[in-house]
Amino acid sequence: MKIVISPAKSLDFETQVPTKEFTEGIFLKEASTLSAVLKKKSPKDLSELMHISDKLGELNWQRNQNWQLPFTLENAKQAVFAFKGDVYIGLDAYTLSQEKIQQLQQKLRILSGQYGVLKPLDLMQPYRLEMGTKLKVGKSENLYQFWDAKVTNELNSELDEDEVFVNLASNEYFKVVNPKLLKVPVITPVFKDYKNGKLKIISFYAKKARGLMVRYIIDHNIETAEDLKGFNYEGYAFDSNLSNAKELVFTR
């Protein structure tokens, strides 16, 4: 099984990581190209480009100036422990055993505007570059054009012919993948909550649920689409009436 998730805007480079093991990202050359473009942007440029506050523009200008290869445990951090958003709160990687961290390393891939595709233990330095950012890089008008087939080809190279591929990324990030070129079908879990008597996708809960689903897969050694339906963390249950072969809907 392979799983893709989105990165997070919130980062944590302070908390001590429970493993010294690390790997190197597959697209560091491309990440360096993006870094060179970003280094030329002023704090004001970044604020306008990313629609962020002046304070965040200044923070990310500083991050861009500090970004440099090679990555080490002194100047970088393993990706799954560096991201801190709702998905990662649900996943709670810090409480995984060493054995489960290895399983996560095999199964999980993180899509990234800066790094393309990251394995959980790939080192990264702090950044902010959402996939939807209209950053012009060479002949590419935006990051979707920049990453183009690179991300899809990389995922394909890791997939076996009959492997289950689970999309737990946001629409913004999964748009960088071309499902038609993947050698296997895509299964997308969807999480809905009852609010005012109606089922809705509530962003905060859905993001956390994506992380919880990753954790469920790792906790229970899930390998099949059928076994995914057993997901029951934090009150969710599979709804067969709302689901189909491509979308597995879970409600609570």
Protein backbone atom coordinates (compact mmCIF):
# COMPACT_ATOMS: atom_id res chain seq x y z
CA MET A 1 0.00 0.00 0.00
CA LYS A 2 1.07 3.55 -0.76
CA ILE A 3 -0.55 6.62 0.80
CA VAL A 4 -0.19 10.28 -0.15
CA ILE A 5 -0.95 13.21 2.16
CA SER A 6 -0.46 16.98 2.04
CA PRO A 7 2.20 18.87 4.00
CA ALA A 8 1.27 21.47 6.65
CA LYS A 9 1.83 25.20 6.96
CA SER A 10 2.62 24.81 10.68
CA LEU A 11 6.12 23.52 11.38
CA ASP A 12 7.90 22.21 14.47
CA PHE A 13 11.68 22.28 14.40
CA GLU A 14 12.03 22.29 18.20
CA THR A 15 10.62 18.99 19.50
CA GLN A 16 13.17 16.19 19.72
CA VAL A 17 12.64 13.41 17.19
CA PRO A 18 12.42 9.78 18.44
CA THR A 19 14.85 8.48 15.80
CA LYS A 20 18.26 9.45 14.45
CA GLU A 21 17.55 7.70 11.17
CA PHE A 22 17.00 9.88 8.12
CA THR A 23 16.85 9.70 4.34
CA GLU A 24 17.43 12.18 1.52
CA GLY A 25 14.70 13.59 -0.70
CA ILE A 26 14.54 12.42 -4.31
CA PHE A 27 14.02 15.94 -5.71
CA LEU A 28 16.65 18.01 -3.89
CA LYS A 29 17.99 19.33 -7.21
CA GLU A 30 14.53 20.68 -8.07
CA ALA A 31 14.07 21.98 -4.51
CA SER A 32 17.35 23.86 -4.89
CA THR A 33 16.12 25.41 -8.15
CA LEU A 34 12.98 26.63 -6.37
CA SER A 35 15.08 27.91 -3.48
CA ALA A 36 17.20 30.01 -5.86
CA VAL A 37 14.04 31.66 -7.22
CA LEU A 38 12.62 32.27 -3.73
CA LYS A 39 15.87 33.75 -2.39
CA LYS A 40 15.44 36.64 -4.84
CA LYS A 41 11.99 37.53 -3.46
CA SER A 42 11.76 40.30 -0.86
CA PRO A 43 9.55 39.91 2.24
CA LYS A 44 6.96 42.12 0.48
CA ASP A 45 7.16 39.96 -2.67
CA LEU A 46 6.51 36.84 -0.61
CA SER A 47 3.58 38.41 1.23
CA GLU A 48 1.94 39.33 -2.08
CA LEU A 49 2.78 36.03 -3.81
CA MET A 50 1.47 33.85 -1.00
CA HIS A 51 -1.26 36.17 0.34
CA ILE A 52 0.28 36.16 3.82
CA SER A 53 0.90 38.84 6.45
CA ASP A 54 3.99 41.07 6.51
CA LYS A 55 5.18 39.15 9.57
CA LEU A 56 4.92 35.81 7.77
CA GLY A 57 6.54 37.36 4.70
CA GLU A 58 9.52 38.34 6.84
CA LEU A 59 9.69 34.88 8.48
CA ASN A 60 9.67 33.08 5.16
CA TRP A 61 12.16 35.50 3.62
CA GLN A 62 14.53 34.53 6.45
CA ARG A 63 13.80 30.83 5.89
CA ASN A 64 14.59 31.23 2.20
CA GLN A 65 17.88 33.00 2.93
CA ASN A 66 18.91 30.22 5.33
CA TRP A 67 17.95 27.35 2.98
CA GLN A 68 21.04 25.47 1.85
CA LEU A 69 22.29 22.01 0.96
CA PRO A 70 23.47 19.58 2.18
CA PHE A 71 20.84 18.77 4.78
CA THR A 72 22.03 17.30 8.07
CA LEU A 73 20.41 16.49 11.42
CA GLU A 74 21.90 19.78 12.64
CA ASN A 75 20.26 22.04 10.04
CA ALA A 76 17.18 20.02 8.98
CA LYS A 77 14.55 17.62 10.33
CA GLN A 78 12.73 14.48 9.18
CA ALA A 79 9.58 15.59 7.34
CA VAL A 80 6.92 13.62 9.22
CA PHE A 81 8.16 15.13 12.50
CA ALA A 82 8.65 18.65 11.08
CA PHE A 83 5.06 19.19 9.92
CA LYS A 84 2.59 20.11 12.65
CA GLY A 85 -0.86 20.66 11.10
CA ASP A 86 -4.16 18.87 11.69
CA VAL A 87 -3.24 15.83 9.54
CA TYR A 88 -0.07 15.33 11.58
CA ILE A 89 -1.91 15.73 14.88
CA GLY A 90 -4.15 12.86 13.74
CA LEU A 91 -1.16 10.76 12.66
CA ASP A 92 0.78 11.47 15.88
CA ALA A 93 4.06 10.06 14.53
CA TYR A 94 5.94 10.85 17.75
CA THR A 95 4.16 7.96 19.51
CA LEU A 96 4.99 5.34 16.86
CA SER A 97 7.42 2.54 17.70
CA GLN A 98 10.65 2.23 15.70
CA GLU A 99 9.13 -0.72 13.83
CA LYS A 100 6.03 1.30 12.92
CA ILE A 101 8.17 4.26 11.80
CA GLN A 102 9.82 1.87 9.33
CA GLN A 103 6.40 0.79 8.05
CA LEU A 104 5.41 4.44 7.69
CA GLN A 105 8.60 5.06 5.72
CA GLN A 106 7.61 2.32 3.27
CA LYS A 107 3.97 3.33 2.83
CA LEU A 108 3.61 7.10 3.22
CA ARG A 109 4.54 9.87 0.79
CA ILE A 110 4.08 13.58 1.47
CA LEU A 111 3.38 15.86 -1.51
CA SER A 112 5.17 19.21 -1.27
CA GLY A 113 5.38 22.43 -3.26
CA GLN A 114 9.06 22.79 -2.39
CA TYR A 115 10.20 19.16 -2.31
CA GLY A 116 7.84 17.39 -4.73
CA VAL A 117 7.55 14.10 -2.88
CA LEU A 118 8.92 13.38 0.60
CA LYS A 119 9.30 10.13 2.46
CA PRO A 120 8.57 10.46 6.20
CA LEU A 121 12.27 10.34 7.16
CA ASP A 122 13.51 12.61 4.37
CA LEU A 123 15.26 15.64 5.83
CA MET A 124 13.81 19.06 5.05
CA GLN A 125 14.49 22.63 6.06
CA PRO A 126 11.70 25.07 7.02
CA TYR A 127 9.76 26.49 4.10
CA ARG A 128 6.39 27.76 2.99
CA LEU A 129 5.45 27.07 -0.60
CA GLU A 130 1.96 25.76 -1.18
CA MET A 131 1.38 23.74 -4.35
CA GLY A 132 -1.19 26.26 -5.59
CA THR A 133 1.29 29.17 -5.49
CA LYS A 134 1.65 30.86 -8.87
CA LEU A 135 5.43 30.98 -8.73
CA LYS A 136 7.08 31.40 -12.13
CA VAL A 137 10.15 29.16 -12.48
CA GLY A 138 11.92 29.26 -15.83
CA LYS A 139 9.32 28.34 -18.46
CA SER A 140 6.87 27.08 -15.83
CA GLU A 141 4.10 29.51 -14.93
CA ASN A 142 3.30 27.76 -11.65
CA LEU A 143 4.29 24.82 -9.47
CA TYR A 144 1.93 22.37 -11.17
CA GLN A 145 3.79 23.01 -14.43
CA PHE A 146 7.15 22.89 -12.66
CA TRP A 147 6.50 19.49 -11.09
CA ASP A 148 4.48 18.30 -14.12
CA ALA A 149 5.03 14.53 -14.58
CA LYS A 150 7.92 14.31 -12.08
CA VAL A 151 5.72 13.56 -9.08
CA THR A 152 3.48 11.08 -10.92
CA ASN A 153 6.48 9.26 -12.40
CA GLU A 154 8.14 9.00 -9.00
CA LEU A 155 5.01 7.57 -7.39
CA ASN A 156 4.60 5.15 -10.30
CA SER A 157 8.17 3.92 -9.93
CA GLU A 158 7.39 2.86 -6.37
CA LEU A 159 4.03 1.22 -7.04
CA ASP A 160 3.63 -2.49 -7.69
CA GLU A 161 1.09 -3.54 -10.32
CA ASP A 162 -1.55 -4.65 -7.80
CA GLU A 163 -0.70 -2.26 -4.95
CA VAL A 164 -3.43 -0.24 -3.24
CA PHE A 165 -2.98 3.53 -3.65
CA VAL A 166 -4.75 5.69 -1.06
CA ASN A 167 -5.19 9.43 -1.63
CA LEU A 168 -5.44 11.30 1.67
CA ALA A 169 -4.12 14.58 0.23
CA SER A 170 -6.14 17.76 -0.31
CA ASN A 171 -7.43 18.62 -3.78
CA GLU A 172 -4.81 21.38 -4.06
CA TYR A 173 -1.99 18.90 -3.63
CA PHE A 174 -3.41 15.87 -5.40
CA LYS A 175 -3.84 17.98 -8.56
CA VAL A 176 -0.07 17.59 -9.07
CA VAL A 177 -0.65 13.85 -9.61
CA ASN A 178 -2.06 12.54 -12.90
CA PRO A 179 -4.23 9.53 -11.93
CA LYS A 180 -4.58 8.47 -15.58
CA LEU A 181 -0.84 7.78 -15.72
CA LEU A 182 -0.72 5.77 -12.50
CA LYS A 183 -0.45 2.02 -12.92
CA VAL A 184 -3.11 1.39 -10.25
CA PRO A 185 -6.53 2.93 -9.42
CA VAL A 186 -6.80 5.67 -6.77
CA ILE A 187 -8.92 5.15 -3.65
CA THR A 188 -9.94 8.37 -1.88
CA PRO A 189 -11.38 8.18 1.66
CA VAL A 190 -13.83 11.01 2.42
CA PHE A 191 -14.76 12.06 5.95
CA LYS A 192 -18.12 13.67 6.76
CA ASP A 193 -19.63 14.90 10.01
CA TYR A 194 -23.22 15.58 10.90
CA LYS A 195 -23.82 19.28 11.47
CA ASN A 196 -27.32 20.74 11.94
CA GLY A 197 -28.75 17.43 10.81
CA LYS A 198 -26.77 17.32 7.55
CA LEU A 199 -23.62 15.48 6.53
CA LYS A 200 -20.82 17.85 5.61
CA ILE A 201 -17.09 17.79 5.03
CA ILE A 202 -15.80 20.03 7.83
CA SER A 203 -12.22 21.01 6.95
CA PHE A 204 -10.67 20.81 10.43
CA TYR A 205 -12.21 17.40 11.20
CA ALA A 206 -11.52 16.04 7.70
CA LYS A 207 -7.83 16.99 7.88
CA LYS A 208 -7.39 15.33 11.26
CA ALA A 209 -9.29 12.27 10.01
CA ARG A 210 -6.84 11.88 7.13
CA GLY A 211 -4.04 11.65 9.67
CA LEU A 212 -6.07 9.25 11.79
CA MET A 213 -6.58 7.04 8.73
CA VAL A 214 -2.81 6.91 8.13
CA ARG A 215 -2.36 5.95 11.77
CA TYR A 216 -5.05 3.25 11.47
CA ILE A 217 -3.32 1.78 8.41
CA ILE A 218 0.01 1.63 10.25
CA ASP A 219 -1.47 0.40 13.56
CA HIS A 220 -3.32 -2.48 11.88
CA ASN A 221 -0.95 -3.31 9.00
CA ILE A 222 -3.71 -2.56 6.46
CA GLU A 223 -2.93 -3.70 2.91
CA THR A 224 -6.33 -4.00 1.16
CA ALA A 225 -9.12 -1.61 0.23
CA GLU A 226 -11.58 -3.88 2.03
CA ASP A 227 -9.65 -3.60 5.28
CA LEU A 228 -9.69 0.21 5.02
CA LYS A 229 -13.44 0.04 5.61
CA GLY A 230 -12.80 -1.04 9.20
CA PHE A 231 -11.53 2.45 10.10
CA ASN A 232 -13.29 3.48 13.30
CA TYR A 233 -11.04 6.01 15.05
CA GLU A 234 -12.72 8.87 16.94
CA GLY A 235 -16.23 7.72 16.11
CA TYR A 236 -16.03 7.40 12.31
CA ALA A 237 -17.71 4.47 10.55
CA PHE A 238 -17.79 3.30 6.94
CA ASP A 239 -20.98 4.17 5.04
CA SER A 240 -21.52 1.69 2.21
CA ASN A 241 -24.55 3.61 0.85
CA LEU A 242 -22.47 6.74 0.19
CA SER A 243 -19.35 4.92 -1.06
CA ASN A 244 -18.18 3.47 -4.36
CA ALA A 245 -15.04 1.78 -5.68
CA LYS A 246 -13.18 5.09 -5.93
CA GLU A 247 -14.49 6.90 -2.83
CA LEU A 248 -14.83 5.36 0.62
CA VAL A 249 -17.06 7.58 2.75
CA PHE A 250 -16.80 7.59 6.53
CA THR A 251 -19.31 9.44 8.70
CA ARG A 252 -19.90 10.30 12.33
